[in-house]
């Protein structure tokens, strides 16, 4: 399996029979091409073919279909890049996402109280993706961040979410993505990371103490769904000291995340009674 396949975490489907199997394979190849372009930007047919181990005629056929649908366009140097059709799809997904719809009003109120920058993020394919981010200076361009790409072992958001996952599942995830050292404070031992998650569960929030970038601090707390699982992380970063985050910012963050959780149907007392 080549590098591109490993980065996506999928393989070409081999299930099904006859025409169904062929259609599933074709669909997956098309999606792999779209995902590769989203990672690499501008690529030629030859480069895509080599990276994905798909013959050039098949790549060209999928690109032609994607161009017709408005998802891909050809550049002046005859390479291919994603087109605005992808943006329209993303906008529809975000507009219909109940998590974002419920969270945004609370994020605005939190921001007005503490300033800085507030994030609503999820763990997706071993990385943190911010579904929504806004800051106290306000900017349409900066209000949407879909390619944050923070590594889970050095992210307050990821720690807030993963603190409520089974430990074996967390270990498996860490093994698959690795634990690269970015600063002296980066946690690179999986069992030390599990201990950190136990502290997060107890405190109800996580602190990132310059684990990804030196001198940067952030706090995050889980947003929980109706079943009590952490479905997202509400995080805040800014010109705060670790002490200010712990004593003043984090308690407000927890309070607002709880309000978002309740709006999504989470009820701690009901879950206790049912368990």
C-alpha atoms as a PDB file:
ATOM      1  CA  UNK A   1       0.000   0.000   0.000  1.00  0.00           C
ATOM      2  CA  UNK A   2       1.499   3.367  -0.992  1.00  0.00           C
ATOM      3  CA  UNK A   3       1.876   6.517   1.074  1.00  0.00           C
ATOM      4  CA  UNK A   4      -1.277   8.156  -0.191  1.00  0.00           C
ATOM      5  CA  UNK A   5      -3.395   5.158   0.748  1.00  0.00           C
ATOM      6  CA  UNK A   6      -1.899   5.106   4.247  1.00  0.00           C
ATOM      7  CA  UNK A   7      -2.604   8.807   4.760  1.00  0.00           C
ATOM      8  CA  UNK A   8      -6.272   8.275   3.963  1.00  0.00           C
ATOM      9  CA  UNK A   9      -6.546   5.145   6.085  1.00  0.00           C
ATOM     10  CA  UNK A  10      -8.522   3.257   3.428  1.00  0.00           C
ATOM     11  CA  UNK A  11      -7.951   0.670   0.750  1.00  0.00           C
ATOM     12  CA  UNK A  12      -9.811   0.079  -2.488  1.00  0.00           C
ATOM     13  CA  UNK A  13     -12.939  -1.875  -1.565  1.00  0.00           C
ATOM     14  CA  UNK A  14     -12.934  -5.588  -2.408  1.00  0.00           C
ATOM     15  CA  UNK A  15     -16.431  -6.455  -1.138  1.00  0.00           C
ATOM     16  CA  UNK A  16     -19.522  -7.067  -3.237  1.00  0.00           C
ATOM     17  CA  UNK A  17     -20.054  -8.947  -6.491  1.00  0.00           C
ATOM     18  CA  UNK A  18     -19.958  -8.115 -10.174  1.00  0.00           C
ATOM     19  CA  UNK A  19     -21.190  -4.686 -11.187  1.00  0.00           C
ATOM     20  CA  UNK A  20     -21.678  -3.555  -7.569  1.00  0.00           C
ATOM     21  CA  UNK A  21     -18.056  -4.307  -6.751  1.00  0.00           C
ATOM     22  CA  UNK A  22     -16.858  -2.441  -9.840  1.00  0.00           C
ATOM     23  CA  UNK A  23     -18.979   0.608  -9.041  1.00  0.00           C
ATOM     24  CA  UNK A  24     -17.724   0.727  -5.460  1.00  0.00           C
ATOM     25  CA  UNK A  25     -14.109   0.529  -6.619  1.00  0.00           C
ATOM     26  CA  UNK A  26     -14.665   3.275  -9.184  1.00  0.00           C
ATOM     27  CA  UNK A  27     -16.358   5.530  -6.624  1.00  0.00           C
ATOM     28  CA  UNK A  28     -13.547   5.057  -4.133  1.00  0.00           C
ATOM     29  CA  UNK A  29     -10.925   5.876  -6.742  1.00  0.00           C
ATOM     30  CA  UNK A  30     -12.718   9.100  -7.562  1.00  0.00           C
ATOM     31  CA  UNK A  31     -12.848  10.081  -3.899  1.00  0.00           C
ATOM     32  CA  UNK A  32      -9.163   9.246  -3.431  1.00  0.00           C
ATOM     33  CA  UNK A  33      -8.292  11.593  -6.288  1.00  0.00           C
ATOM     34  CA  UNK A  34     -10.356  14.396  -4.714  1.00  0.00           C
ATOM     35  CA  UNK A  35      -8.756  13.844  -1.317  1.00  0.00           C
ATOM     36  CA  UNK A  36      -5.262  13.770  -2.797  1.00  0.00           C
ATOM     37  CA  UNK A  37      -5.869  17.095  -4.544  1.00  0.00           C
ATOM     38  CA  UNK A  38      -7.142  18.546  -1.270  1.00  0.00           C
ATOM     39  CA  UNK A  39      -3.831  17.617   0.355  1.00  0.00           C
ATOM     40  CA  UNK A  40      -1.391  18.447  -2.423  1.00  0.00           C
ATOM     41  CA  UNK A  41      -3.079  21.270  -4.315  1.00  0.00           C
ATOM     42  CA  UNK A  42      -2.056  21.328  -7.968  1.00  0.00           C
ATOM     43  CA  UNK A  43      -1.184  17.953  -9.550  1.00  0.00           C
ATOM     44  CA  UNK A  44      -0.868  16.458 -13.022  1.00  0.00           C
ATOM     45  CA  UNK A  45      -2.561  13.291 -14.243  1.00  0.00           C
ATOM     46  CA  UNK A  46       0.806  11.527 -14.178  1.00  0.00           C
ATOM     47  CA  UNK A  47       1.516  12.605 -10.586  1.00  0.00           C
ATOM     48  CA  UNK A  48      -1.922  11.478  -9.403  1.00  0.00           C
ATOM     49  CA  UNK A  49      -1.576   8.169 -11.243  1.00  0.00           C
ATOM     50  CA  UNK A  50       1.813   7.478  -9.666  1.00  0.00           C
ATOM     51  CA  UNK A  51       0.758   8.502  -6.156  1.00  0.00           C
ATOM     52  CA  UNK A  52      -2.417   6.414  -6.093  1.00  0.00           C
ATOM     53  CA  UNK A  53      -1.246   3.531  -8.313  1.00  0.00           C
ATOM     54  CA  UNK A  54      -4.211   4.095 -10.643  1.00  0.00           C
ATOM     55  CA  UNK A  55      -3.668   4.024 -14.418  1.00  0.00           C
ATOM     56  CA  UNK A  56      -3.663   7.412 -16.166  1.00  0.00           C
ATOM     57  CA  UNK A  57      -6.724   6.732 -18.323  1.00  0.00           C
ATOM     58  CA  UNK A  58      -8.794   6.027 -15.194  1.00  0.00           C
ATOM     59  CA  UNK A  59      -7.456   9.163 -13.485  1.00  0.00           C
ATOM     60  CA  UNK A  60      -8.309  11.263 -16.565  1.00  0.00           C
ATOM     61  CA  UNK A  61     -11.833   9.829 -16.689  1.00  0.00           C
ATOM     62  CA  UNK A  62     -12.493  10.660 -13.036  1.00  0.00           C
ATOM     63  CA  UNK A  63     -11.034  14.147 -13.407  1.00  0.00           C
ATOM     64  CA  UNK A  64     -13.233  14.790 -16.445  1.00  0.00           C
ATOM     65  CA  UNK A  65     -16.330  13.804 -14.445  1.00  0.00           C
ATOM     66  CA  UNK A  66     -15.243  15.955 -11.493  1.00  0.00           C
ATOM     67  CA  UNK A  67     -14.682  18.929 -13.808  1.00  0.00           C
ATOM     68  CA  UNK A  68     -18.162  18.502 -15.264  1.00  0.00           C
ATOM     69  CA  UNK A  69     -19.589  18.556 -11.714  1.00  0.00           C
ATOM     70  CA  UNK A  70     -17.597  21.682 -10.802  1.00  0.00           C
ATOM     71  CA  UNK A  71     -15.401  19.980  -8.211  1.00  0.00           C
ATOM     72  CA  UNK A  72     -12.117  20.161 -10.150  1.00  0.00           C
ATOM     73  CA  UNK A  73     -10.664  22.564 -12.693  1.00  0.00           C
ATOM     74  CA  UNK A  74      -7.618  22.573 -14.952  1.00  0.00           C
ATOM     75  CA  UNK A  75      -4.913  25.217 -14.448  1.00  0.00           C
ATOM     76  CA  UNK A  76      -2.903  27.045 -17.084  1.00  0.00           C
ATOM     77  CA  UNK A  77      -0.063  24.511 -16.766  1.00  0.00           C
ATOM     78  CA  UNK A  78      -2.542  21.646 -17.374  1.00  0.00           C
ATOM     79  CA  UNK A  79      -2.504  20.519 -13.750  1.00  0.00           C
ATOM     80  CA  UNK A  80      -5.681  19.981 -11.754  1.00  0.00           C
ATOM     81  CA  UNK A  81      -6.902  21.706  -8.578  1.00  0.00           C
ATOM     82  CA  UNK A  82     -10.134  21.644  -6.591  1.00  0.00           C
ATOM     83  CA  UNK A  83     -12.856  24.003  -7.771  1.00  0.00           C
ATOM     84  CA  UNK A  84     -15.641  25.898  -5.981  1.00  0.00           C
ATOM     85  CA  UNK A  85     -18.058  22.964  -6.115  1.00  0.00           C
ATOM     86  CA  UNK A  86     -16.200  21.538  -3.122  1.00  0.00           C
ATOM     87  CA  UNK A  87     -16.776  24.771  -1.226  1.00  0.00           C
ATOM     88  CA  UNK A  88     -20.508  24.608  -1.933  1.00  0.00           C
ATOM     89  CA  UNK A  89     -20.621  21.057  -0.578  1.00  0.00           C
ATOM     90  CA  UNK A  90     -18.725  22.109   2.545  1.00  0.00           C
ATOM     91  CA  UNK A  91     -21.048  25.045   3.119  1.00  0.00           C
ATOM     92  CA  UNK A  92     -24.102  22.797   2.920  1.00  0.00           C
ATOM     93  CA  UNK A  93     -22.584  20.333   5.380  1.00  0.00           C
ATOM     94  CA  UNK A  94     -21.726  23.075   7.860  1.00  0.00           C
ATOM     95  CA  UNK A  95     -25.089  24.809   7.509  1.00  0.00           C
ATOM     96  CA  UNK A  96     -26.906  21.591   8.339  1.00  0.00           C
ATOM     97  CA  UNK A  97     -24.577  20.560  11.167  1.00  0.00           C
ATOM     98  CA  UNK A  98     -26.584  20.701  14.402  1.00  0.00           C
ATOM     99  CA  UNK A  99     -23.410  20.901  16.490  1.00  0.00           C
ATOM    100  CA  UNK A 100     -22.356  24.142  14.781  1.00  0.00           C
ATOM    101  CA  UNK A 101     -25.867  25.579  14.770  1.00  0.00           C
ATOM    102  CA  UNK A 102     -26.237  25.028  18.519  1.00  0.00           C
ATOM    103  CA  UNK A 103     -22.694  26.050  19.438  1.00  0.00           C
ATOM    104  CA  UNK A 104     -22.197  29.319  17.556  1.00  0.00           C
ATOM    105  CA  UNK A 105     -24.434  31.535  19.781  1.00  0.00           C
ATOM    106  CA  UNK A 106     -22.642  30.295  22.897  1.00  0.00           C
ATOM    107  CA  UNK A 107     -19.243  30.763  21.243  1.00  0.00           C
ATOM    108  CA  UNK A 108     -20.165  34.392  20.567  1.00  0.00           C
ATOM    109  CA  UNK A 109     -21.101  34.974  24.187  1.00  0.00           C
ATOM    110  CA  UNK A 110     -17.938  33.296  25.454  1.00  0.00           C
ATOM    111  CA  UNK A 111     -15.816  35.386  23.121  1.00  0.00           C
ATOM    112  CA  UNK A 112     -17.432  38.616  24.339  1.00  0.00           C
ATOM    113  CA  UNK A 113     -16.535  37.686  27.916  1.00  0.00           C
ATOM    114  CA  UNK A 114     -12.944  36.505  27.599  1.00  0.00           C
ATOM    115  CA  UNK A 115     -11.635  37.582  24.186  1.00  0.00           C
ATOM    116  CA  UNK A 116      -8.873  35.641  22.476  1.00  0.00           C
ATOM    117  CA  UNK A 117      -9.778  33.052  19.868  1.00  0.00           C
ATOM    118  CA  UNK A 118     -12.399  30.337  20.315  1.00  0.00           C
ATOM    119  CA  UNK A 119     -12.400  27.049  18.410  1.00  0.00           C
ATOM    120  CA  UNK A 120     -14.910  24.259  17.935  1.00  0.00           C
ATOM    121  CA  UNK A 121     -12.958  21.213  16.809  1.00  0.00           C
ATOM    122  CA  UNK A 122     -13.288  17.492  16.220  1.00  0.00           C
ATOM    123  CA  UNK A 123     -10.868  14.594  15.833  1.00  0.00           C
ATOM    124  CA  UNK A 124     -10.970  13.281  12.270  1.00  0.00           C
ATOM    125  CA  UNK A 125      -8.551  10.722  10.839  1.00  0.00           C
ATOM    126  CA  UNK A 126      -6.032  11.201  13.604  1.00  0.00           C
ATOM    127  CA  UNK A 127      -5.903  14.992  13.382  1.00  0.00           C
ATOM    128  CA  UNK A 128      -7.830  17.913  14.826  1.00  0.00           C
ATOM    129  CA  UNK A 129     -10.107  19.737  12.398  1.00  0.00           C
ATOM    130  CA  UNK A 130     -11.683  23.003  13.492  1.00  0.00           C
ATOM    131  CA  UNK A 131     -15.267  23.267  12.299  1.00  0.00           C
ATOM    132  CA  UNK A 132     -15.562  26.835  13.476  1.00  0.00           C
ATOM    133  CA  UNK A 133     -13.198  29.461  14.817  1.00  0.00           C
ATOM    134  CA  UNK A 134     -13.615  33.132  15.603  1.00  0.00           C
ATOM    135  CA  UNK A 135     -11.634  35.789  17.413  1.00  0.00           C
ATOM    136  CA  UNK A 136     -12.191  39.112  19.076  1.00  0.00           C
ATOM    137  CA  UNK A 137     -11.054  41.214  16.109  1.00  0.00           C
ATOM    138  CA  UNK A 138     -13.535  39.581  13.720  1.00  0.00           C
ATOM    139  CA  UNK A 139     -12.795  38.491  10.163  1.00  0.00           C
ATOM    140  CA  UNK A 140     -14.947  36.629   7.644  1.00  0.00           C
ATOM    141  CA  UNK A 141     -11.893  34.930   6.177  1.00  0.00           C
ATOM    142  CA  UNK A 142     -10.556  33.775   9.518  1.00  0.00           C
ATOM    143  CA  UNK A 143     -13.925  32.716  10.927  1.00  0.00           C
ATOM    144  CA  UNK A 144     -13.771  29.392   9.076  1.00  0.00           C
ATOM    145  CA  UNK A 145     -10.863  27.020   9.540  1.00  0.00           C
ATOM    146  CA  UNK A 146     -11.333  23.571   8.044  1.00  0.00           C
ATOM    147  CA  UNK A 147      -7.673  22.606   7.693  1.00  0.00           C
ATOM    148  CA  UNK A 148      -6.260  23.119  11.157  1.00  0.00           C
ATOM    149  CA  UNK A 149      -4.459  19.781  11.125  1.00  0.00           C
ATOM    150  CA  UNK A 150      -3.193  19.866  14.703  1.00  0.00           C
ATOM    151  CA  UNK A 151      -1.671  16.556  15.875  1.00  0.00           C
ATOM    152  CA  UNK A 152      -3.845  14.895  18.506  1.00  0.00           C
ATOM    153  CA  UNK A 153      -1.086  14.280  21.046  1.00  0.00           C
ATOM    154  CA  UNK A 154      -0.191  17.995  21.151  1.00  0.00           C
ATOM    155  CA  UNK A 155      -3.690  19.474  21.101  1.00  0.00           C
ATOM    156  CA  UNK A 156      -5.868  20.603  23.995  1.00  0.00           C
ATOM    157  CA  UNK A 157      -8.945  19.984  21.816  1.00  0.00           C
ATOM    158  CA  UNK A 158      -8.004  16.368  21.125  1.00  0.00           C
ATOM    159  CA  UNK A 159      -7.229  15.693  24.775  1.00  0.00           C
ATOM    160  CA  UNK A 160     -10.627  17.051  25.799  1.00  0.00           C
ATOM    161  CA  UNK A 161     -12.378  14.707  23.354  1.00  0.00           C
ATOM    162  CA  UNK A 162     -10.233  11.600  23.791  1.00  0.00           C
ATOM    163  CA  UNK A 163     -10.423  11.758  27.588  1.00  0.00           C
ATOM    164  CA  UNK A 164     -13.827  10.074  27.279  1.00  0.00           C
ATOM    165  CA  UNK A 165     -12.757   7.378  24.814  1.00  0.00           C
ATOM    166  CA  UNK A 166     -11.711   3.827  25.847  1.00  0.00           C
ATOM    167  CA  UNK A 167      -8.010   3.842  26.630  1.00  0.00           C
ATOM    168  CA  UNK A 168      -7.244   0.955  24.277  1.00  0.00           C
ATOM    169  CA  UNK A 169      -8.861   2.879  21.435  1.00  0.00           C
ATOM    170  CA  UNK A 170      -6.712   5.892  22.261  1.00  0.00           C
ATOM    171  CA  UNK A 171      -3.559   3.757  22.310  1.00  0.00           C
ATOM    172  CA  UNK A 172      -4.439   2.297  18.913  1.00  0.00           C
ATOM    173  CA  UNK A 173      -5.010   5.772  17.507  1.00  0.00           C
ATOM    174  CA  UNK A 174      -1.703   7.059  18.871  1.00  0.00           C
ATOM    175  CA  UNK A 175       0.094   4.058  17.395  1.00  0.00           C
ATOM    176  CA  UNK A 176      -1.405   4.743  13.973  1.00  0.00           C
ATOM    177  CA  UNK A 177      -0.530   8.461  13.845  1.00  0.00           C
ATOM    178  CA  UNK A 178       2.667   8.543  15.895  1.00  0.00           C
ATOM    179  CA  UNK A 179       3.756  10.974  18.607  1.00  0.00           C
ATOM    180  CA  UNK A 180       6.265  13.369  17.089  1.00  0.00           C
ATOM    181  CA  UNK A 181       8.110  15.737  19.420  1.00  0.00           C
ATOM    182  CA  UNK A 182       7.515  19.423  18.606  1.00  0.00           C
ATOM    183  CA  UNK A 183       8.748  21.125  21.786  1.00  0.00           C
ATOM    184  CA  UNK A 184      10.276  20.106  25.105  1.00  0.00           C
ATOM    185  CA  UNK A 185       6.727  19.904  26.524  1.00  0.00           C
ATOM    186  CA  UNK A 186       5.333  17.543  23.870  1.00  0.00           C
ATOM    187  CA  UNK A 187       4.071  14.264  25.334  1.00  0.00           C
ATOM    188  CA  UNK A 188       5.623  11.444  23.313  1.00  0.00           C
ATOM    189  CA  UNK A 189       4.939   8.465  25.580  1.00  0.00           C
ATOM    190  CA  UNK A 190       1.476   6.903  25.075  1.00  0.00           C
ATOM    191  CA  UNK A 191       1.063   5.875  28.707  1.00  0.00           C
ATOM    192  CA  UNK A 192       2.008   9.357  29.893  1.00  0.00           C
ATOM    193  CA  UNK A 193      -0.641  10.635  27.488  1.00  0.00           C
ATOM    194  CA  UNK A 194      -3.246   8.323  29.040  1.00  0.00           C
ATOM    195  CA  UNK A 195      -2.354   9.685  32.463  1.00  0.00           C
ATOM    196  CA  UNK A 196      -2.861  13.187  31.081  1.00  0.00           C
ATOM    197  CA  UNK A 197      -6.326  12.160  29.863  1.00  0.00           C
ATOM    198  CA  UNK A 198      -7.216  10.876  33.332  1.00  0.00           C
ATOM    199  CA  UNK A 199      -6.358  14.327  34.720  1.00  0.00           C
ATOM    200  CA  UNK A 200      -8.513  15.931  32.025  1.00  0.00           C
ATOM    201  CA  UNK A 201     -11.500  13.769  33.011  1.00  0.00           C
ATOM    202  CA  UNK A 202     -11.065  14.807  36.620  1.00  0.00           C
ATOM    203  CA  UNK A 203     -10.649  18.527  35.924  1.00  0.00           C
ATOM    204  CA  UNK A 204     -13.141  18.579  32.992  1.00  0.00           C
ATOM    205  CA  UNK A 205     -10.726  20.548  30.813  1.00  0.00           C
ATOM    206  CA  UNK A 206      -7.290  20.229  29.250  1.00  0.00           C
ATOM    207  CA  UNK A 207      -4.405  22.679  29.036  1.00  0.00           C
ATOM    208  CA  UNK A 208      -1.903  22.839  26.203  1.00  0.00           C
ATOM    209  CA  UNK A 209       1.301  24.165  27.717  1.00  0.00           C
ATOM    210  CA  UNK A 210       3.325  24.933  24.620  1.00  0.00           C
ATOM    211  CA  UNK A 211       3.210  21.309  23.479  1.00  0.00           C
ATOM    212  CA  UNK A 212       2.893  22.140  19.771  1.00  0.00           C
ATOM    213  CA  UNK A 213       4.372  25.634  19.576  1.00  0.00           C
ATOM    214  CA  UNK A 214       6.607  27.039  22.288  1.00  0.00           C
ATOM    215  CA  UNK A 215       5.083  29.828  24.326  1.00  0.00           C
ATOM    216  CA  UNK A 216       1.507  29.173  23.209  1.00  0.00           C
ATOM    217  CA  UNK A 217      -1.198  28.153  25.633  1.00  0.00           C
ATOM    218  CA  UNK A 218      -4.747  26.944  25.144  1.00  0.00           C
ATOM    219  CA  UNK A 219      -7.513  25.292  27.119  1.00  0.00           C
ATOM    220  CA  UNK A 220     -10.257  22.964  25.894  1.00  0.00           C
ATOM    221  CA  UNK A 221     -13.218  21.091  27.292  1.00  0.00           C
ATOM    222  CA  UNK A 222     -15.473  18.464  25.725  1.00  0.00           C
ATOM    223  CA  UNK A 223     -18.831  19.101  24.122  1.00  0.00           C
ATOM    224  CA  UNK A 224     -20.852  15.976  24.824  1.00  0.00           C
ATOM    225  CA  UNK A 225     -23.667  14.405  22.864  1.00  0.00           C
ATOM    226  CA  UNK A 226     -26.903  12.950  24.213  1.00  0.00           C
ATOM    227  CA  UNK A 227     -25.096   9.685  25.087  1.00  0.00           C
ATOM    228  CA  UNK A 228     -22.385  11.434  27.094  1.00  0.00           C
ATOM    229  CA  UNK A 229     -19.578  10.845  24.601  1.00  0.00           C
ATOM    230  CA  UNK A 230     -17.271  13.691  23.672  1.00  0.00           C
ATOM    231  CA  UNK A 231     -18.261  14.713  20.141  1.00  0.00           C
ATOM    232  CA  UNK A 232     -16.183  17.898  19.917  1.00  0.00           C
ATOM    233  CA  UNK A 233     -13.856  20.117  21.853  1.00  0.00           C
ATOM    234  CA  UNK A 234     -14.488  23.760  22.729  1.00  0.00           C
ATOM    235  CA  UNK A 235     -11.104  25.462  22.975  1.00  0.00           C
ATOM    236  CA  UNK A 236      -9.751  28.931  23.599  1.00  0.00           C
ATOM    237  CA  UNK A 237      -6.339  30.427  22.974  1.00  0.00           C
ATOM    238  CA  UNK A 238      -4.936  33.900  23.371  1.00  0.00           C
ATOM    239  CA  UNK A 239      -2.472  36.043  25.230  1.00  0.00           C
ATOM    240  CA  UNK A 240      -3.068  34.178  28.469  1.00  0.00           C
ATOM    241  CA  UNK A 241      -0.697  32.707  30.979  1.00  0.00           C
ATOM    242  CA  UNK A 242      -1.167  29.084  32.002  1.00  0.00           C
ATOM    243  CA  UNK A 243      -2.202  30.369  35.441  1.00  0.00           C
ATOM    244  CA  UNK A 244      -4.918  32.632  34.013  1.00  0.00           C
ATOM    245  CA  UNK A 245      -6.222  29.793  31.852  1.00  0.00           C
ATOM    246  CA  UNK A 246      -6.476  27.489  34.852  1.00  0.00           C
ATOM    247  CA  UNK A 247      -7.995  29.950  37.309  1.00  0.00           C
ATOM    248  CA  UNK A 248     -10.293  32.119  35.213  1.00  0.00           C
ATOM    249  CA  UNK A 249     -10.715  31.084  31.583  1.00  0.00           C
ATOM    250  CA  UNK A 250     -11.150  27.305  31.889  1.00  0.00           C
ATOM    251  CA  UNK A 251     -14.133  27.456  34.318  1.00  0.00           C
ATOM    252  CA  UNK A 252     -16.048  29.692  31.888  1.00  0.00           C
ATOM    253  CA  UNK A 253     -15.102  27.425  29.020  1.00  0.00           C
ATOM    254  CA  UNK A 254     -16.489  24.417  30.878  1.00  0.00           C
ATOM    255  CA  UNK A 255     -19.724  26.252  31.671  1.00  0.00           C
ATOM    256  CA  UNK A 256     -20.336  27.199  28.043  1.00  0.00           C
ATOM    257  CA  UNK A 257     -19.459  23.712  26.769  1.00  0.00           C
ATOM    258  CA  UNK A 258     -22.003  22.283  29.207  1.00  0.00           C
ATOM    259  CA  UNK A 259     -24.671  24.629  27.858  1.00  0.00           C
ATOM    260  CA  UNK A 260     -23.883  23.522  24.302  1.00  0.00           C
ATOM    261  CA  UNK A 261     -23.998  19.883  25.425  1.00  0.00           C
ATOM    262  CA  UNK A 262     -27.410  20.353  27.035  1.00  0.00           C
ATOM    263  CA  UNK A 263     -28.710  21.999  23.842  1.00  0.00           C
ATOM    264  CA  UNK A 264     -27.611  18.832  21.992  1.00  0.00           C
ATOM    265  CA  UNK A 265     -29.570  16.596  24.349  1.00  0.00           C
ATOM    266  CA  UNK A 266     -26.918  15.678  26.922  1.00  0.00           C
ATOM    267  CA  UNK A 267     -28.273  15.133  30.410  1.00  0.00           C
ATOM    268  CA  UNK A 268     -25.789  13.852  32.946  1.00  0.00           C
ATOM    269  CA  UNK A 269     -28.424  12.860  35.484  1.00  0.00           C
ATOM    270  CA  UNK A 270     -30.421  10.833  32.952  1.00  0.00           C
ATOM    271  CA  UNK A 271     -27.292   9.014  31.807  1.00  0.00           C
ATOM    272  CA  UNK A 272     -26.431   8.138  35.417  1.00  0.00           C
ATOM    273  CA  UNK A 273     -29.897   6.711  35.978  1.00  0.00           C
ATOM    274  CA  UNK A 274     -29.742   4.613  32.799  1.00  0.00           C
ATOM    275  CA  UNK A 275     -26.225   3.273  33.356  1.00  0.00           C
END
